[in-house]
Amino acid sequence: MIKIEEKLFQNRYKVDEGRPHIQIANPSVCSSTCEVQACTFACPAACYSATETGGVELNTDGCLECGTCRIICSEHHNVDWAYPRGGHGILFKFG
């Protein structure tokens, strides 16, 4: 079975240091209000991961800019999402 990391390696990502285009608006919502934490398994780039303390950690490196996190978190409105600055973000190799 091919891991998602191997498939995502085909794309390139230019990180915008110090200016993430996605942020968790209120981290306490993830641990106190959100029971499912669907972002941890719905994000196709695996940018979200559950922490040992019951919260959610976000690493935007490798984000596909698909907007899944905004949709999946629409109940809590806890994702601040914008496109990266020009020249940054996902650089698709094929297509």
PDB file of N, CA and C in Angstrom:
ATOM      1  N   MET A   1       0.853  -1.179   0.000  1.00  0.00           N
ATOM      2  CA  MET A   1       0.000   0.000   0.000  1.00  0.00           C
ATOM      3  C   MET A   1       0.899   1.242   0.000  1.00  0.00           C
ATOM      4  N   ILE A   2       0.580   2.177  -0.852  1.00  0.00           N
ATOM      5  CA  ILE A   2       1.346   3.411  -0.953  1.00  0.00           C
ATOM      6  C   ILE A   2       0.820   4.404   0.084  1.00  0.00           C
ATOM      7  N   LYS A   3       1.730   4.997   0.832  1.00  0.00           N
ATOM      8  CA  LYS A   3       1.352   5.980   1.837  1.00  0.00           C
ATOM      9  C   LYS A   3       1.095   7.332   1.165  1.00  0.00           C
ATOM     10  N   ILE A   4       0.256   8.120   1.800  1.00  0.00           N
ATOM     11  CA  ILE A   4      -0.063   9.430   1.242  1.00  0.00           C
ATOM     12  C   ILE A   4       1.180  10.311   1.127  1.00  0.00           C
ATOM     13  N   GLU A   5       2.115  10.149   2.049  1.00  0.00           N
ATOM     14  CA  GLU A   5       3.347  10.945   2.006  1.00  0.00           C
ATOM     15  C   GLU A   5       4.120  10.696   0.716  1.00  0.00           C
ATOM     16  N   GLU A   6       4.110   9.452   0.238  1.00  0.00           N
ATOM     17  CA  GLU A   6       4.806   9.116  -1.004  1.00  0.00           C
ATOM     18  C   GLU A   6       4.133   9.775  -2.202  1.00  0.00           C
ATOM     19  N   LYS A   7       2.820   9.826  -2.206  1.00  0.00           N
ATOM     20  CA  LYS A   7       2.090  10.485  -3.292  1.00  0.00           C
ATOM     21  C   LYS A   7       2.278  12.002  -3.238  1.00  0.00           C
ATOM     22  N   LEU A   8       2.204  12.569  -2.044  1.00  0.00           N
ATOM     23  CA  LEU A   8       2.347  14.006  -1.893  1.00  0.00           C
ATOM     24  C   LEU A   8       3.756  14.478  -2.223  1.00  0.00           C
ATOM     25  N   PHE A   9       4.717  13.588  -2.159  1.00  0.00           N
ATOM     26  CA  PHE A   9       6.096  13.941  -2.486  1.00  0.00           C
ATOM     27  C   PHE A   9       6.218  14.380  -3.940  1.00  0.00           C
ATOM     28  N   GLN A  10       5.264  13.986  -4.785  1.00  0.00           N
ATOM     29  CA  GLN A  10       5.280  14.383  -6.194  1.00  0.00           C
ATOM     30  C   GLN A  10       5.070  15.889  -6.352  1.00  0.00           C
ATOM     31  N   ASN A  11       4.415  16.516  -5.381  1.00  0.00           N
ATOM     32  CA  ASN A  11       4.172  17.955  -5.414  1.00  0.00           C
ATOM     33  C   ASN A  11       5.279  18.676  -4.655  1.00  0.00           C
ATOM     34  N   ARG A  12       5.408  19.932  -4.890  1.00  0.00           N
ATOM     35  CA  ARG A  12       6.365  20.755  -4.154  1.00  0.00           C
ATOM     36  C   ARG A  12       5.580  21.844  -3.422  1.00  0.00           C
ATOM     37  N   TYR A  13       6.135  22.282  -2.327  1.00  0.00           N
ATOM     38  CA  TYR A  13       5.471  23.276  -1.507  1.00  0.00           C
ATOM     39  C   TYR A  13       6.484  24.326  -1.086  1.00  0.00           C
ATOM     40  N   LYS A  14       6.187  25.575  -1.368  1.00  0.00           N
ATOM     41  CA  LYS A  14       7.069  26.661  -0.954  1.00  0.00           C
ATOM     42  C   LYS A  14       6.476  27.294   0.295  1.00  0.00           C
ATOM     43  N   VAL A  15       7.163  27.083   1.420  1.00  0.00           N
ATOM     44  CA  VAL A  15       6.692  27.565   2.709  1.00  0.00           C
ATOM     45  C   VAL A  15       6.887  29.074   2.805  1.00  0.00           C
ATOM     46  N   ASP A  16       5.889  29.755   3.311  1.00  0.00           N
ATOM     47  CA  ASP A  16       5.953  31.186   3.573  1.00  0.00           C
ATOM     48  C   ASP A  16       6.277  31.331   5.060  1.00  0.00           C
ATOM     49  N   GLU A  17       7.552  31.338   5.371  1.00  0.00           N
ATOM     50  CA  GLU A  17       8.011  31.352   6.763  1.00  0.00           C
ATOM     51  C   GLU A  17       7.370  32.488   7.558  1.00  0.00           C
ATOM     52  N   GLY A  18       6.817  32.136   8.698  1.00  0.00           N
ATOM     53  CA  GLY A  18       6.241  33.133   9.595  1.00  0.00           C
ATOM     54  C   GLY A  18       4.883  33.670   9.193  1.00  0.00           C
ATOM     55  N   ARG A  19       4.342  33.205   8.066  1.00  0.00           N
ATOM     56  CA  ARG A  19       3.038  33.679   7.595  1.00  0.00           C
ATOM     57  C   ARG A  19       2.170  32.507   7.153  1.00  0.00           C
ATOM     58  N   PRO A  20       1.730  31.677   8.090  1.00  0.00           N
ATOM     59  CA  PRO A  20       0.881  30.552   7.692  1.00  0.00           C
ATOM     60  C   PRO A  20      -0.451  31.040   7.131  1.00  0.00           C
ATOM     61  N   HIS A  21      -0.925  30.380   6.089  1.00  0.00           N
ATOM     62  CA  HIS A  21      -2.187  30.804   5.477  1.00  0.00           C
ATOM     63  C   HIS A  21      -3.398  30.162   6.154  1.00  0.00           C
ATOM     64  N   ILE A  22      -3.144  29.238   7.059  1.00  0.00           N
ATOM     65  CA  ILE A  22      -4.208  28.610   7.831  1.00  0.00           C
ATOM     66  C   ILE A  22      -3.812  28.654   9.296  1.00  0.00           C
ATOM     67  N   GLN A  23      -4.771  28.961  10.146  1.00  0.00           N
ATOM     68  CA  GLN A  23      -4.529  28.950  11.580  1.00  0.00           C
ATOM     69  C   GLN A  23      -5.768  28.423  12.283  1.00  0.00           C
ATOM     70  N   ILE A  24      -5.556  27.791  13.416  1.00  0.00           N
ATOM     71  CA  ILE A  24      -6.669  27.409  14.276  1.00  0.00           C
ATOM     72  C   ILE A  24      -7.011  28.649  15.081  1.00  0.00           C
ATOM     73  N   ALA A  25      -8.222  29.156  14.915  1.00  0.00           N
ATOM     74  CA  ALA A  25      -8.617  30.421  15.530  1.00  0.00           C
ATOM     75  C   ALA A  25      -8.548  30.358  17.050  1.00  0.00           C
ATOM     76  N   ASN A  26      -9.111  29.322  17.638  1.00  0.00           N
ATOM     77  CA  ASN A  26      -9.135  29.180  19.090  1.00  0.00           C
ATOM     78  C   ASN A  26      -8.817  27.722  19.440  1.00  0.00           C
ATOM     79  N   PRO A  27      -7.575  27.413  19.781  1.00  0.00           N
ATOM     80  CA  PRO A  27      -7.180  26.029  20.049  1.00  0.00           C
ATOM     81  C   PRO A  27      -8.006  25.335  21.134  1.00  0.00           C
ATOM     82  N   SER A  28      -8.540  26.090  22.074  1.00  0.00           N
ATOM     83  CA  SER A  28      -9.325  25.452  23.143  1.00  0.00           C
ATOM     84  C   SER A  28     -10.632  24.860  22.619  1.00  0.00           C
ATOM     85  N   VAL A  29     -11.154  25.381  21.507  1.00  0.00           N
ATOM     86  CA  VAL A  29     -12.371  24.825  20.910  1.00  0.00           C
ATOM     87  C   VAL A  29     -12.124  23.385  20.476  1.00  0.00           C
ATOM     88  N   CYS A  30     -10.940  23.120  19.942  1.00  0.00           N
ATOM     89  CA  CYS A  30     -10.611  21.775  19.462  1.00  0.00           C
ATOM     90  C   CYS A  30     -10.623  20.748  20.598  1.00  0.00           C
ATOM     91  N   SER A  31     -10.172  21.150  21.762  1.00  0.00           N
ATOM     92  CA  SER A  31     -10.089  20.198  22.874  1.00  0.00           C
ATOM     93  C   SER A  31     -11.341  20.178  23.740  1.00  0.00           C
ATOM     94  N   SER A  32     -12.092  21.273  23.774  1.00  0.00           N
ATOM     95  CA  SER A  32     -13.244  21.317  24.675  1.00  0.00           C
ATOM     96  C   SER A  32     -14.592  21.137  23.983  1.00  0.00           C
ATOM     97  N   THR A  33     -14.756  21.692  22.790  1.00  0.00           N
ATOM     98  CA  THR A  33     -16.057  21.699  22.127  1.00  0.00           C
ATOM     99  C   THR A  33     -16.169  20.653  21.020  1.00  0.00           C
ATOM    100  N   CYS A  34     -15.090  20.437  20.295  1.00  0.00           N
ATOM    101  CA  CYS A  34     -15.128  19.532  19.148  1.00  0.00           C
ATOM    102  C   CYS A  34     -14.831  18.101  19.603  1.00  0.00           C
ATOM    103  N   GLU A  35     -15.847  17.259  19.578  1.00  0.00           N
ATOM    104  CA  GLU A  35     -15.688  15.884  20.046  1.00  0.00           C
ATOM    105  C   GLU A  35     -15.047  14.974  19.002  1.00  0.00           C
ATOM    106  N   VAL A  36     -15.319  15.204  17.731  1.00  0.00           N
ATOM    107  CA  VAL A  36     -14.883  14.302  16.668  1.00  0.00           C
ATOM    108  C   VAL A  36     -13.479  14.623  16.158  1.00  0.00           C
ATOM    109  N   GLN A  37     -13.129  15.893  16.081  1.00  0.00           N
ATOM    110  CA  GLN A  37     -11.860  16.353  15.520  1.00  0.00           C
ATOM    111  C   GLN A  37     -11.641  15.752  14.128  1.00  0.00           C
ATOM    112  N   ALA A  38     -12.644  15.942  13.289  1.00  0.00           N
ATOM    113  CA  ALA A  38     -12.636  15.374  11.935  1.00  0.00           C
ATOM    114  C   ALA A  38     -11.478  15.873  11.086  1.00  0.00           C
ATOM    115  N   CYS A  39     -10.971  17.046  11.386  1.00  0.00           N
ATOM    116  CA  CYS A  39      -9.849  17.583  10.604  1.00  0.00           C
ATOM    117  C   CYS A  39      -8.626  16.670  10.685  1.00  0.00           C
ATOM    118  N   THR A  40      -8.497  15.924  11.771  1.00  0.00           N
ATOM    119  CA  THR A  40      -7.327  15.059  11.940  1.00  0.00           C
ATOM    120  C   THR A  40      -7.339  13.847  11.010  1.00  0.00           C
ATOM    121  N   PHE A  41      -8.492  13.539  10.436  1.00  0.00           N
ATOM    122  CA  PHE A  41      -8.522  12.419   9.486  1.00  0.00           C
ATOM    123  C   PHE A  41      -9.101  12.800   8.127  1.00  0.00           C
ATOM    124  N   ALA A  42      -9.685  13.990   7.999  1.00  0.00           N
ATOM    125  CA  ALA A  42     -10.272  14.397   6.721  1.00  0.00           C
ATOM    126  C   ALA A  42      -9.295  15.153   5.829  1.00  0.00           C
ATOM    127  N   CYS A  43      -8.303  15.791   6.401  1.00  0.00           N
ATOM    128  CA  CYS A  43      -7.343  16.575   5.604  1.00  0.00           C
ATOM    129  C   CYS A  43      -6.527  15.621   4.730  1.00  0.00           C
ATOM    130  N   PRO A  44      -6.583  15.776   3.405  1.00  0.00           N
ATOM    131  CA  PRO A  44      -5.863  14.845   2.532  1.00  0.00           C
ATOM    132  C   PRO A  44      -4.342  14.960   2.626  1.00  0.00           C
ATOM    133  N   ALA A  45      -3.846  16.068   3.152  1.00  0.00           N
ATOM    134  CA  ALA A  45      -2.397  16.240   3.303  1.00  0.00           C
ATOM    135  C   ALA A  45      -1.928  15.950   4.720  1.00  0.00           C
ATOM    136  N   ALA A  46      -2.848  15.543   5.587  1.00  0.00           N
ATOM    137  CA  ALA A  46      -2.538  15.207   6.982  1.00  0.00           C
ATOM    138  C   ALA A  46      -1.856  16.367   7.707  1.00  0.00           C
ATOM    139  N   CYS A  47      -2.367  17.571   7.508  1.00  0.00           N
ATOM    140  CA  CYS A  47      -1.809  18.759   8.160  1.00  0.00           C
ATOM    141  C   CYS A  47      -2.245  18.868   9.622  1.00  0.00           C
ATOM    142  N   TYR A  48      -3.347  18.229   9.972  1.00  0.00           N
ATOM    143  CA  TYR A  48      -3.871  18.289  11.330  1.00  0.00           C
ATOM    144  C   TYR A  48      -3.586  16.968  12.036  1.00  0.00           C
ATOM    145  N   SER A  49      -3.186  17.054  13.296  1.00  0.00           N
ATOM    146  CA  SER A  49      -2.954  15.840  14.081  1.00  0.00           C
ATOM    147  C   SER A  49      -3.425  16.065  15.508  1.00  0.00           C
ATOM    148  N   ALA A  50      -3.915  15.007  16.114  1.00  0.00           N
ATOM    149  CA  ALA A  50      -4.372  15.074  17.506  1.00  0.00           C
ATOM    150  C   ALA A  50      -3.164  15.086  18.432  1.00  0.00           C
ATOM    151  N   THR A  51      -3.267  15.867  19.489  1.00  0.00           N
ATOM    152  CA  THR A  51      -2.189  15.933  20.473  1.00  0.00           C
ATOM    153  C   THR A  51      -2.511  15.021  21.653  1.00  0.00           C
ATOM    154  N   GLU A  52      -1.525  14.757  22.462  1.00  0.00           N
ATOM    155  CA  GLU A  52      -1.715  13.904  23.638  1.00  0.00           C
ATOM    156  C   GLU A  52      -2.652  14.542  24.654  1.00  0.00           C
ATOM    157  N   THR A  53      -2.768  15.863  24.626  1.00  0.00           N
ATOM    158  CA  THR A  53      -3.609  16.572  25.586  1.00  0.00           C
ATOM    159  C   THR A  53      -5.053  16.735  25.108  1.00  0.00           C
ATOM    160  N   GLY A  54      -5.385  16.147  23.943  1.00  0.00           N
ATOM    161  CA  GLY A  54      -6.744  16.213  23.425  1.00  0.00           C
ATOM    162  C   GLY A  54      -7.001  17.370  22.481  1.00  0.00           C
ATOM    163  N   GLY A  55      -5.981  18.123  22.160  1.00  0.00           N
ATOM    164  CA  GLY A  55      -6.126  19.236  21.232  1.00  0.00           C
ATOM    165  C   GLY A  55      -5.779  18.825  19.819  1.00  0.00           C
ATOM    166  N   VAL A  56      -5.640  19.808  18.954  1.00  0.00           N
ATOM    167  CA  VAL A  56      -5.291  19.581  17.563  1.00  0.00           C
ATOM    168  C   VAL A  56      -4.098  20.461  17.220  1.00  0.00           C
ATOM    169  N   GLU A  57      -3.125  19.868  16.559  1.00  0.00           N
ATOM    170  CA  GLU A  57      -1.941  20.596  16.111  1.00  0.00           C
ATOM    171  C   GLU A  57      -2.004  20.751  14.601  1.00  0.00           C
ATOM    172  N   LEU A  58      -1.585  21.905  14.108  1.00  0.00           N
ATOM    173  CA  LEU A  58      -1.638  22.199  12.680  1.00  0.00           C
ATOM    174  C   LEU A  58      -0.243  22.474  12.152  1.00  0.00           C
ATOM    175  N   ASN A  59       0.113  21.795  11.070  1.00  0.00           N
ATOM    176  CA  ASN A  59       1.355  22.050  10.356  1.00  0.00           C
ATOM    177  C   ASN A  59       0.976  22.307   8.901  1.00  0.00           C
ATOM    178  N   THR A  60       1.074  23.542   8.454  1.00  0.00           N
ATOM    179  CA  THR A  60       0.595  23.910   7.126  1.00  0.00           C
ATOM    180  C   THR A  60       1.562  23.548   6.004  1.00  0.00           C
ATOM    181  N   ASP A  61       2.764  23.100   6.338  1.00  0.00           N
ATOM    182  CA  ASP A  61       3.715  22.685   5.304  1.00  0.00           C
ATOM    183  C   ASP A  61       3.117  21.512   4.536  1.00  0.00           C
ATOM    184  N   GLY A  62       2.973  21.644   3.253  1.00  0.00           N
ATOM    185  CA  GLY A  62       2.415  20.580   2.432  1.00  0.00           C
ATOM    186  C   GLY A  62       0.920  20.678   2.213  1.00  0.00           C
ATOM    187  N   CYS A  63       0.295  21.732   2.695  1.00  0.00           N
ATOM    188  CA  CYS A  63      -1.147  21.921   2.525  1.00  0.00           C
ATOM    189  C   CYS A  63      -1.496  21.958   1.038  1.00  0.00           C
ATOM    190  N   LEU A  64      -2.554  21.269   0.660  1.00  0.00           N
ATOM    191  CA  LEU A  64      -2.999  21.217  -0.733  1.00  0.00           C
ATOM    192  C   LEU A  64      -3.937  22.368  -1.094  1.00  0.00           C
ATOM    193  N   GLU A  65      -4.293  23.206  -0.121  1.00  0.00           N
ATOM    194  CA  GLU A  65      -5.163  24.358  -0.325  1.00  0.00           C
ATOM    195  C   GLU A  65      -6.528  23.953  -0.880  1.00  0.00           C
ATOM    196  N   CYS A  66      -7.015  22.817  -0.449  1.00  0.00           N
ATOM    197  CA  CYS A  66      -8.284  22.303  -0.959  1.00  0.00           C
ATOM    198  C   CYS A  66      -9.493  22.872  -0.223  1.00  0.00           C
ATOM    199  N   GLY A  67      -9.302  23.344   1.012  1.00  0.00           N
ATOM    200  CA  GLY A  67     -10.408  23.905   1.785  1.00  0.00           C
ATOM    201  C   GLY A  67     -11.195  22.886   2.578  1.00  0.00           C
ATOM    202  N   THR A  68     -10.767  21.634   2.599  1.00  0.00           N
ATOM    203  CA  THR A  68     -11.477  20.599   3.354  1.00  0.00           C
ATOM    204  C   THR A  68     -11.619  20.983   4.819  1.00  0.00           C
ATOM    205  N   CYS A  69     -10.576  21.551   5.394  1.00  0.00           N
ATOM    206  CA  CYS A  69     -10.615  21.911   6.811  1.00  0.00           C
ATOM    207  C   CYS A  69     -11.694  22.962   7.094  1.00  0.00           C
ATOM    208  N   ARG A  70     -11.894  23.893   6.191  1.00  0.00           N
ATOM    209  CA  ARG A  70     -12.939  24.910   6.384  1.00  0.00           C
ATOM    210  C   ARG A  70     -14.319  24.269   6.374  1.00  0.00           C
ATOM    211  N   ILE A  71     -14.502  23.326   5.477  1.00  0.00           N
ATOM    212  CA  ILE A  71     -15.808  22.669   5.369  1.00  0.00           C
ATOM    213  C   ILE A  71     -16.057  21.771   6.571  1.00  0.00           C
ATOM    214  N   ILE A  72     -15.068  20.986   6.936  1.00  0.00           N
ATOM    215  CA  ILE A  72     -15.230  20.014   8.011  1.00  0.00           C
ATOM    216  C   ILE A  72     -15.405  20.704   9.364  1.00  0.00           C
ATOM    217  N   CYS A  73     -14.889  21.930   9.490  1.00  0.00           N
ATOM    218  CA  CYS A  73     -14.984  22.672  10.749  1.00  0.00           C
ATOM    219  C   CYS A  73     -16.063  23.754  10.681  1.00  0.00           C
ATOM    220  N   SER A  74     -16.969  23.653   9.734  1.00  0.00           N
ATOM    221  CA  SER A  74     -17.974  24.706   9.560  1.00  0.00           C
ATOM    222  C   SER A  74     -18.904  24.836  10.764  1.00  0.00           C
ATOM    223  N   GLU A  75     -19.060  23.786  11.529  1.00  0.00           N
ATOM    224  CA  GLU A  75     -19.909  23.852  12.719  1.00  0.00           C
ATOM    225  C   GLU A  75     -19.304  24.778  13.783  1.00  0.00           C
ATOM    226  N   HIS A  76     -17.982  24.736  13.914  1.00  0.00           N
ATOM    227  CA  HIS A  76     -17.302  25.514  14.958  1.00  0.00           C
ATOM    228  C   HIS A  76     -16.667  26.798  14.429  1.00  0.00           C
ATOM    229  N   HIS A  77     -16.520  26.929  13.115  1.00  0.00           N
ATOM    230  CA  HIS A  77     -15.891  28.111  12.502  1.00  0.00           C
ATOM    231  C   HIS A  77     -14.554  28.433  13.183  1.00  0.00           C
ATOM    232  N   ASN A  78     -13.720  27.411  13.333  1.00  0.00           N
ATOM    233  CA  ASN A  78     -12.480  27.563  14.089  1.00  0.00           C
ATOM    234  C   ASN A  78     -11.230  27.539  13.206  1.00  0.00           C
ATOM    235  N   VAL A  79     -11.422  27.619  11.905  1.00  0.00           N
ATOM    236  CA  VAL A  79     -10.282  27.627  10.993  1.00  0.00           C
ATOM    237  C   VAL A  79     -10.235  28.964  10.262  1.00  0.00           C
ATOM    238  N   ASP A  80      -9.139  29.687  10.449  1.00  0.00           N
ATOM    239  CA  ASP A  80      -8.901  30.916   9.689  1.00  0.00           C
ATOM    240  C   ASP A  80      -8.088  30.521   8.464  1.00  0.00           C
ATOM    241  N   TRP A  81      -8.665  30.637   7.279  1.00  0.00           N
ATOM    242  CA  TRP A  81      -8.065  30.112   6.054  1.00  0.00           C
ATOM    243  C   TRP A  81      -8.034  31.195   4.988  1.00  0.00           C
ATOM    244  N   ALA A  82      -6.905  31.294   4.310  1.00  0.00           N
ATOM    245  CA  ALA A  82      -6.769  32.213   3.180  1.00  0.00           C
ATOM    246  C   ALA A  82      -5.772  31.587   2.214  1.00  0.00           C
ATOM    247  N   TYR A  83      -5.788  32.022   0.986  1.00  0.00           N
ATOM    248  CA  TYR A  83      -4.779  31.535   0.051  1.00  0.00           C
ATOM    249  C   TYR A  83      -3.416  32.076   0.470  1.00  0.00           C
ATOM    250  N   PRO A  84      -2.353  31.328   0.220  1.00  0.00           N
ATOM    251  CA  PRO A  84      -1.014  31.837   0.524  1.00  0.00           C
ATOM    252  C   PRO A  84      -0.680  33.023  -0.377  1.00  0.00           C
ATOM    253  N   ARG A  85       0.321  33.786   0.053  1.00  0.00           N
ATOM    254  CA  ARG A  85       0.785  34.901  -0.781  1.00  0.00           C
ATOM    255  C   ARG A  85       1.282  34.348  -2.110  1.00  0.00           C
ATOM    256  N   GLY A  86       1.267  35.181  -3.123  1.00  0.00           N
ATOM    257  CA  GLY A  86       1.727  34.778  -4.447  1.00  0.00           C
ATOM    258  C   GLY A  86       3.128  34.189  -4.417  1.00  0.00           C
ATOM    259  N   GLY A  87       3.315  33.094  -5.124  1.00  0.00           N
ATOM    260  CA  GLY A  87       4.610  32.432  -5.184  1.00  0.00           C
ATOM    261  C   GLY A  87       4.855  31.443  -4.066  1.00  0.00           C
ATOM    262  N   HIS A  88       3.929  31.349  -3.122  1.00  0.00           N
ATOM    263  CA  HIS A  88       4.059  30.417  -2.011  1.00  0.00           C
ATOM    264  C   HIS A  88       2.934  29.387  -2.082  1.00  0.00           C
ATOM    265  N   GLY A  89       3.080  28.340  -1.321  1.00  0.00           N
ATOM    266  CA  GLY A  89       2.051  27.317  -1.254  1.00  0.00           C
ATOM    267  C   GLY A  89       2.364  26.137  -2.152  1.00  0.00           C
ATOM    268  N   ILE A  90       1.332  25.431  -2.542  1.00  0.00           N
ATOM    269  CA  ILE A  90       1.471  24.192  -3.314  1.00  0.00           C
ATOM    270  C   ILE A  90       1.890  24.488  -4.746  1.00  0.00           C
ATOM    271  N   LEU A  91       2.810  23.692  -5.228  1.00  0.00           N
ATOM    272  CA  LEU A  91       3.269  23.773  -6.614  1.00  0.00           C
ATOM    273  C   LEU A  91       3.064  22.372  -7.209  1.00  0.00           C
ATOM    274  N   PHE A  92       1.959  22.165  -7.897  1.00  0.00           N
ATOM    275  CA  PHE A  92       1.627  20.856  -8.415  1.00  0.00           C
ATOM    276  C   PHE A  92       2.583  20.469  -9.534  1.00  0.00           C
ATOM    277  N   LYS A  93       3.076  19.262  -9.477  1.00  0.00           N
ATOM    278  CA  LYS A  93       4.011  18.784 -10.497  1.00  0.00           C
ATOM    279  C   LYS A  93       3.294  18.364 -11.763  1.00  0.00           C
ATOM    280  N   PHE A  94       2.139  17.724 -11.594  1.00  0.00           N
ATOM    281  CA  PHE A  94       1.379  17.248 -12.751  1.00  0.00           C
ATOM    282  C   PHE A  94       0.029  17.949 -12.772  1.00  0.00           C
ATOM    283  N   GLY A  95      -0.206  18.796 -13.752  1.00  0.00           N
ATOM    284  CA  GLY A  95      -1.515  19.402 -13.889  1.00  0.00           C
ATOM    285  C   GLY A  95      -1.633  20.808 -13.543  1.00  0.00           C
TER     286      GLY A  95
END
